[in-house]
Protein backbone atom coordinates (compact mmCIF):
# COMPACT_ATOMS: atom_id res chain seq x y z
CA MET A 1 10.89 -1.32 -12.08
CA LYS A 2 12.22 -0.30 -15.49
CA ASP A 3 14.81 1.96 -13.88
CA MET A 4 15.95 -0.88 -11.60
CA LEU A 5 16.31 -3.25 -14.56
CA LYS A 6 18.29 -0.66 -16.50
CA SER A 7 20.57 -0.17 -13.49
CA LYS A 8 21.11 -3.93 -13.30
CA PHE A 9 22.07 -4.10 -16.99
CA VAL A 10 24.59 -1.30 -16.46
CA GLY A 11 25.79 -2.74 -13.16
CA CYS A 12 26.44 -6.10 -14.78
CA LEU A 13 28.61 -4.83 -17.63
CA VAL A 14 30.41 -2.20 -15.56
CA GLY A 15 30.84 -4.74 -12.75
CA ASN A 16 32.41 -7.18 -15.19
CA ALA A 17 34.94 -4.55 -16.28
CA VAL A 18 35.69 -3.37 -12.74
CA GLY A 19 36.28 -6.93 -11.49
CA ASP A 20 38.54 -7.61 -14.46
CA ALA A 21 40.54 -4.40 -13.91
CA LEU A 22 40.92 -5.06 -10.19
CA GLY A 23 42.06 -8.62 -10.75
CA SER A 24 44.44 -7.86 -13.61
CA SER A 25 47.05 -6.45 -11.21
CA PHE A 26 47.15 -9.66 -9.16
CA GLU A 27 46.88 -12.43 -11.77
CA GLY A 28 48.80 -15.56 -10.79
CA SER A 29 49.39 -14.30 -7.25
CA TRP A 30 48.22 -15.59 -3.89
CA ILE A 31 46.87 -12.75 -1.76
CA SER A 32 45.27 -13.22 1.64
CA GLU A 33 44.11 -9.62 1.78
CA VAL A 34 43.78 -7.32 -1.20
CA LYS A 35 44.91 -3.74 -0.79
CA ILE A 36 44.16 -1.51 -3.74
CA GLU A 37 46.74 1.25 -3.58
CA ARG A 38 45.70 2.65 -6.92
CA PHE A 39 42.95 1.52 -9.28
CA SER A 40 44.38 1.61 -12.78
CA GLY A 41 41.02 0.88 -14.41
CA ARG A 42 42.76 -1.00 -17.21
CA TRP A 43 40.90 -4.16 -18.20
CA THR A 44 41.96 -7.19 -20.23
CA ASP A 45 40.65 -9.48 -22.97
CA ASP A 46 37.85 -10.56 -20.61
CA THR A 47 36.12 -7.21 -20.91
CA HIS A 48 37.31 -6.65 -24.47
CA MET A 49 35.41 -9.75 -25.58
CA MET A 50 32.44 -8.98 -23.31
CA ILE A 51 32.18 -5.67 -25.15
CA GLY A 52 32.16 -7.58 -28.45
CA VAL A 53 29.30 -9.79 -27.26
CA ALA A 54 27.27 -6.73 -26.28
CA GLU A 55 28.05 -4.88 -29.52
CA SER A 56 26.88 -7.83 -31.61
CA LEU A 57 23.70 -8.48 -29.59
CA ILE A 58 22.78 -4.80 -29.96
CA ALA A 59 23.52 -4.66 -33.70
CA ASN A 60 21.45 -7.77 -34.44
CA LYS A 61 18.84 -7.40 -31.69
CA GLY A 62 19.88 -10.90 -30.74
CA PHE A 63 22.47 -13.52 -31.60
CA ASP A 64 24.23 -13.88 -34.94
CA GLY A 65 27.29 -16.10 -34.63
CA SER A 66 29.01 -14.99 -37.82
CA HIS A 67 28.60 -11.33 -36.94
CA MET A 68 29.82 -11.84 -33.38
CA ALA A 69 32.89 -13.69 -34.62
CA GLN A 70 33.70 -10.82 -36.97
CA ILE A 71 33.30 -8.30 -34.12
CA PHE A 72 35.71 -10.38 -32.00
CA ILE A 73 38.22 -10.41 -34.86
CA LYS A 74 37.91 -6.68 -35.54
CA ASN A 75 38.31 -5.78 -31.87
CA TYR A 76 41.25 -8.15 -31.43
CA GLU A 77 43.09 -6.80 -34.48
CA ARG A 78 42.60 -3.26 -33.21
CA GLU A 79 43.92 -4.06 -29.70
CA PRO A 80 45.75 -7.41 -29.70
CA TRP A 81 47.70 -6.47 -26.55
CA ARG A 82 44.76 -7.00 -24.18
CA GLY A 83 46.16 -10.29 -22.86
CA TYR A 84 44.56 -12.85 -25.15
CA ALA A 85 45.55 -16.48 -24.66
CA SER A 86 46.93 -18.32 -27.67
CA GLY A 87 43.68 -20.05 -28.67
CA PRO A 88 41.37 -17.23 -29.78
CA PRO A 89 43.86 -15.52 -32.13
CA ARG A 90 44.44 -18.88 -33.86
CA VAL A 91 40.68 -19.34 -34.22
CA PHE A 92 40.37 -15.80 -35.57
CA ARG A 93 43.02 -16.53 -38.22
CA TRP A 94 41.19 -19.68 -39.30
CA ILE A 95 37.90 -17.80 -39.60
CA ARG A 96 39.69 -15.07 -41.56
CA SER A 97 40.95 -17.79 -43.94
CA GLY A 98 37.41 -19.00 -44.64
CA VAL A 99 36.63 -21.59 -41.95
CA ALA A 100 33.05 -21.29 -40.65
CA TRP A 101 32.63 -19.35 -37.40
CA ASN A 102 31.24 -22.40 -35.60
CA GLU A 103 33.80 -24.88 -36.98
CA ALA A 104 37.15 -23.16 -36.47
CA ALA A 105 37.44 -23.75 -32.70
CA LYS A 106 37.04 -27.51 -33.23
CA ARG A 107 40.61 -27.54 -34.52
CA LEU A 108 42.04 -26.64 -31.12
CA PHE A 109 43.57 -29.26 -28.83
CA GLY A 110 43.44 -32.09 -31.33
CA GLY A 111 39.77 -31.60 -32.04
CA ALA A 112 38.64 -31.68 -28.42
CA GLY A 113 38.24 -27.92 -28.16
CA SER A 114 39.00 -25.70 -25.19
CA TYR A 115 37.45 -26.06 -21.74
CA GLY A 116 38.97 -22.79 -20.58
CA ASN A 117 36.90 -19.96 -19.10
CA GLY A 118 37.17 -17.68 -22.13
CA ALA A 119 33.53 -18.14 -23.14
CA ALA A 120 32.28 -17.65 -19.57
CA MET A 121 34.31 -14.51 -18.91
CA ARG A 122 32.52 -12.63 -21.72
CA VAL A 123 28.98 -14.04 -21.47
CA ALA A 124 27.50 -11.43 -19.08
CA PRO A 125 25.55 -9.55 -21.81
CA VAL A 126 23.83 -12.83 -22.72
CA GLY A 127 22.82 -13.30 -19.09
CA VAL A 128 21.17 -9.90 -18.80
CA PHE A 129 19.64 -9.86 -22.28
CA TYR A 130 18.01 -13.28 -21.96
CA HIS A 131 17.37 -13.19 -18.20
CA ASP A 132 13.69 -14.00 -18.74
CA ASP A 133 14.09 -16.70 -21.40
CA LEU A 134 15.98 -19.72 -20.12
CA GLU A 135 15.86 -21.65 -23.39
CA GLN A 136 17.31 -18.75 -25.38
CA LEU A 137 19.85 -18.00 -22.66
CA ARG A 138 21.26 -21.52 -22.89
CA SER A 139 21.19 -21.55 -26.69
CA VAL A 140 22.98 -18.20 -27.06
CA ALA A 141 25.46 -18.93 -24.25
CA TYR A 142 26.41 -22.10 -26.14
CA GLY A 143 26.36 -20.29 -29.50
CA GLN A 144 28.74 -17.50 -28.50
CA SER A 145 30.94 -20.13 -26.85
CA ARG A 146 31.27 -22.15 -30.07
CA ILE A 147 33.21 -19.32 -31.68
CA THR A 148 36.26 -20.14 -29.51
CA HIS A 149 35.35 -22.88 -26.98
CA VAL A 150 33.59 -26.03 -28.17
CA HIS A 151 34.45 -28.43 -25.33
CA GLU A 152 31.37 -29.34 -23.28
CA LEU A 153 32.94 -28.01 -20.07
CA GLY A 154 33.79 -24.67 -21.65
CA MET A 155 30.33 -24.27 -23.12
CA GLU A 156 28.52 -25.40 -19.98
CA GLY A 157 30.61 -23.04 -17.85
CA ALA A 158 29.48 -20.16 -20.05
CA ALA A 159 25.84 -21.19 -19.75
CA ILE A 160 26.04 -21.50 -15.95
CA GLN A 161 27.70 -18.10 -15.65
CA ALA A 162 25.00 -16.58 -17.88
CA TYR A 163 22.27 -18.15 -15.75
CA ALA A 164 23.90 -16.92 -12.54
CA VAL A 165 23.77 -13.41 -14.02
CA ALA A 166 20.12 -13.94 -14.98
CA LEU A 167 19.22 -15.09 -11.47
CA ALA A 168 20.97 -12.03 -10.06
CA VAL A 169 19.04 -9.75 -12.44
CA THR A 170 15.71 -11.14 -11.29
CA ALA A 171 16.55 -11.08 -7.55
CA ASP A 172 15.39 -8.18 -5.40
CA PRO A 173 18.52 -6.45 -4.04
CA SER A 174 16.57 -5.02 -1.12
CA SER A 175 15.69 -8.49 0.22
CA GLU A 176 17.93 -11.16 1.68
CA LEU A 177 19.28 -13.48 -0.98
CA ASP A 178 18.42 -17.17 -0.57
CA SER A 179 21.78 -18.72 -1.44
CA HIS A 180 20.45 -22.25 -1.19
CA ALA A 181 17.65 -21.58 -3.67
CA PHE A 182 20.09 -19.75 -5.99
CA LEU A 183 22.44 -22.76 -6.04
CA GLY A 184 19.53 -25.18 -6.37
CA ARG A 185 18.36 -23.49 -9.54
CA LEU A 186 21.88 -23.53 -10.96
CA LYS A 187 22.21 -27.24 -10.16
CA ASP A 188 18.87 -28.00 -11.81
CA PHE A 189 19.95 -25.97 -14.84
CA THR A 190 23.08 -27.99 -15.58
CA HIS A 191 23.08 -31.65 -16.56
CA ASN A 192 26.86 -31.86 -16.27
CA GLU A 193 28.08 -33.86 -13.26
CA VAL A 194 31.37 -31.95 -12.94
CA TYR A 195 29.49 -28.70 -12.36
CA LYS A 196 26.85 -30.33 -10.17
CA ARG A 197 29.59 -31.54 -7.83
CA LYS A 198 31.30 -28.15 -7.82
CA LEU A 199 28.04 -26.35 -7.01
CA GLU A 200 27.48 -28.77 -4.11
CA ARG A 201 30.92 -27.79 -2.81
CA VAL A 202 29.98 -24.12 -3.11
CA TRP A 203 27.13 -24.72 -0.67
CA ARG A 204 29.31 -26.67 1.78
CA LEU A 205 32.00 -23.98 1.75
CA LEU A 206 29.86 -20.88 2.26
CA GLY A 207 30.89 -20.55 5.89
CA GLU A 208 34.53 -21.50 5.32
CA THR A 209 37.09 -19.04 6.68
CA ASN A 210 40.17 -20.68 5.17
CA LYS A 211 40.68 -19.16 1.73
CA GLY A 212 43.29 -21.78 0.89
CA ARG A 213 40.68 -24.49 1.26
CA VAL A 214 38.20 -22.56 -0.89
CA ALA A 215 40.79 -22.16 -3.66
CA ARG A 216 41.80 -25.84 -3.45
CA GLU A 217 38.28 -27.24 -3.49
CA LEU A 218 36.65 -24.88 -5.98
CA GLY A 219 39.72 -23.94 -8.01
CA ASN A 220 41.12 -20.60 -9.13
CA GLY A 221 42.51 -21.60 -12.52
CA VAL A 222 41.77 -20.86 -16.16
CA GLU A 223 39.58 -23.95 -16.64
CA ALA A 224 35.89 -23.08 -16.69
CA TYR A 225 35.04 -25.67 -14.04
CA ASN A 226 37.78 -24.27 -11.80
CA SER A 227 36.59 -20.67 -12.00
CA VAL A 228 32.88 -20.32 -12.82
CA PRO A 229 31.73 -22.05 -9.58
CA THR A 230 34.36 -20.02 -7.71
CA ALA A 231 32.93 -16.74 -9.01
CA ILE A 232 29.44 -17.84 -8.00
CA TYR A 233 30.81 -18.68 -4.55
CA CYS A 234 32.48 -15.26 -4.22
CA PHE A 235 29.18 -13.57 -4.98
CA LEU A 236 27.05 -15.74 -2.69
CA ARG A 237 29.49 -15.47 0.19
CA ASN A 238 29.40 -11.67 -0.08
CA TRP A 239 26.03 -11.10 -1.73
CA GLY A 240 25.32 -7.95 0.28
CA SER A 241 28.26 -5.96 -1.09
CA PHE A 242 29.66 -5.51 -4.59
CA GLU A 243 32.97 -4.34 -3.19
CA ASP A 244 33.34 -7.29 -0.80
CA SER A 245 32.46 -9.76 -3.57
CA VAL A 246 35.10 -8.65 -6.05
CA LEU A 247 37.83 -8.09 -3.48
CA TYR A 248 37.21 -11.57 -2.08
CA ALA A 249 37.41 -13.00 -5.62
CA VAL A 250 40.75 -11.32 -6.25
CA SER A 251 42.06 -12.46 -2.85
CA LEU A 252 41.77 -16.12 -3.89
CA GLY A 253 44.63 -15.63 -6.34
CA GLY A 254 45.14 -17.55 -9.57
CA ASP A 255 43.15 -16.30 -12.56
CA THR A 256 42.15 -13.18 -10.67
CA ASP A 257 41.08 -11.03 -13.60
CA THR A 258 38.60 -13.57 -14.94
CA ILE A 259 37.22 -14.69 -11.58
CA GLY A 260 36.99 -11.00 -10.62
CA ALA A 261 35.20 -10.20 -13.89
CA MET A 262 32.65 -13.00 -13.51
CA THR A 263 32.03 -12.17 -9.86
CA GLY A 264 31.64 -8.49 -10.71
CA ALA A 265 29.15 -9.30 -13.46
CA ILE A 266 26.92 -11.33 -11.11
CA SER A 267 27.16 -8.88 -8.23
CA GLY A 268 26.61 -5.87 -10.50
CA ALA A 269 23.57 -7.57 -12.01
CA HIS A 270 22.19 -8.14 -8.52
CA HIS A 271 22.77 -4.71 -6.99
CA GLY A 272 22.73 -2.37 -9.97
CA VAL A 273 25.35 0.15 -10.97
CA GLU A 274 24.77 2.40 -7.94
CA ALA A 275 26.38 -0.22 -5.69
CA ILE A 276 29.72 -0.04 -7.49
CA PRO A 277 32.07 2.36 -5.67
CA GLU A 278 32.40 5.69 -7.47
CA ARG A 279 36.20 5.61 -7.20
CA TRP A 280 36.19 2.50 -9.39
CA LYS A 281 33.52 3.65 -11.83
CA SER A 282 35.19 7.01 -12.41
CA GLY A 283 38.58 5.41 -12.96
CA LEU A 284 37.40 2.65 -15.29
CA GLU A 285 38.89 2.64 -18.77
CA LYS A 286 36.18 3.46 -21.36
CA GLY A 287 33.65 3.37 -18.55
CA ASP A 288 31.30 5.73 -20.37
CA TYR A 289 31.29 3.49 -23.44
CA ILE A 290 30.59 0.38 -21.39
CA GLU A 291 27.68 2.13 -19.64
CA GLU A 292 26.39 3.29 -23.02
CA LEU A 293 26.52 -0.27 -24.36
CA ALA A 294 24.61 -1.58 -21.36
CA GLU A 295 21.94 1.09 -21.78
CA LYS A 296 21.59 0.24 -25.49
CA LEU A 297 21.32 -3.45 -24.63
CA TRP A 298 18.58 -2.63 -22.13
CA PHE A 299 16.80 -0.45 -24.71
CA VAL A 300 16.83 -3.20 -27.32
CA LYS A 301 15.56 -5.68 -24.73
CA SER A 302 12.80 -3.33 -23.57
CA ARG A 303 11.54 -3.04 -27.16
CA LYS A 304 11.38 -6.80 -27.80
């Protein structure tokens, strides 16, 4: 059982990076069928920030918002070319200037904060680390979100993604997945009506063959509510195969790197790292480091 859990931790983080790297080549495109001629393995800010979340959770054996913010800043300043949107670097500058880590993001968008998917794309380590503690999972998902995304929809999207990862961690990959029960637990978890409606659509669309309709009804954009439910859909529609899940996610077009990353995190958490094709694992940028982080995260968790 311990070996399976460790494999799921590694599968989640590596799956996040693989989905991100696969999707990064197709961002903004509409693709009916994805053909991977060559896997570059190069990931974007999605995985860069996911790494920061994991590094901070490991260092503190749990959540410390100030520390995580400083890790984000350090990693960004070292590699600012990863594809960051305009919001996080502005927040990082404000924190650098002395604004509190949980106050800076409130300055974005006239005080409303961002409802983008930036907090959800990186939350996978929270989902695996707190998979057995729902109260802490929600609290930390919100906490890490507040560093850059304080709008309710951005924060709730991160929490739902984290819980989807947690549900995948606790599911038995050798048994058939009950998609209805999976969605029911996600719906019960969120009190936000926007996400409740989107999760209802996920259920209705599971047998849909028209990808255009899936993209229109669930969304494939940068908003958390137009991408988190979509990633959950991509996993549930293809729950039996990591490869099918992430390729389907990328085929929906739009924000392909982030939807691919979130789908890969859920599917990797469900199946474990062994289910990720070797050609992708071996070609993944800093793959050894990401696996090492996941193993450290599992070790810290196993000692709690």
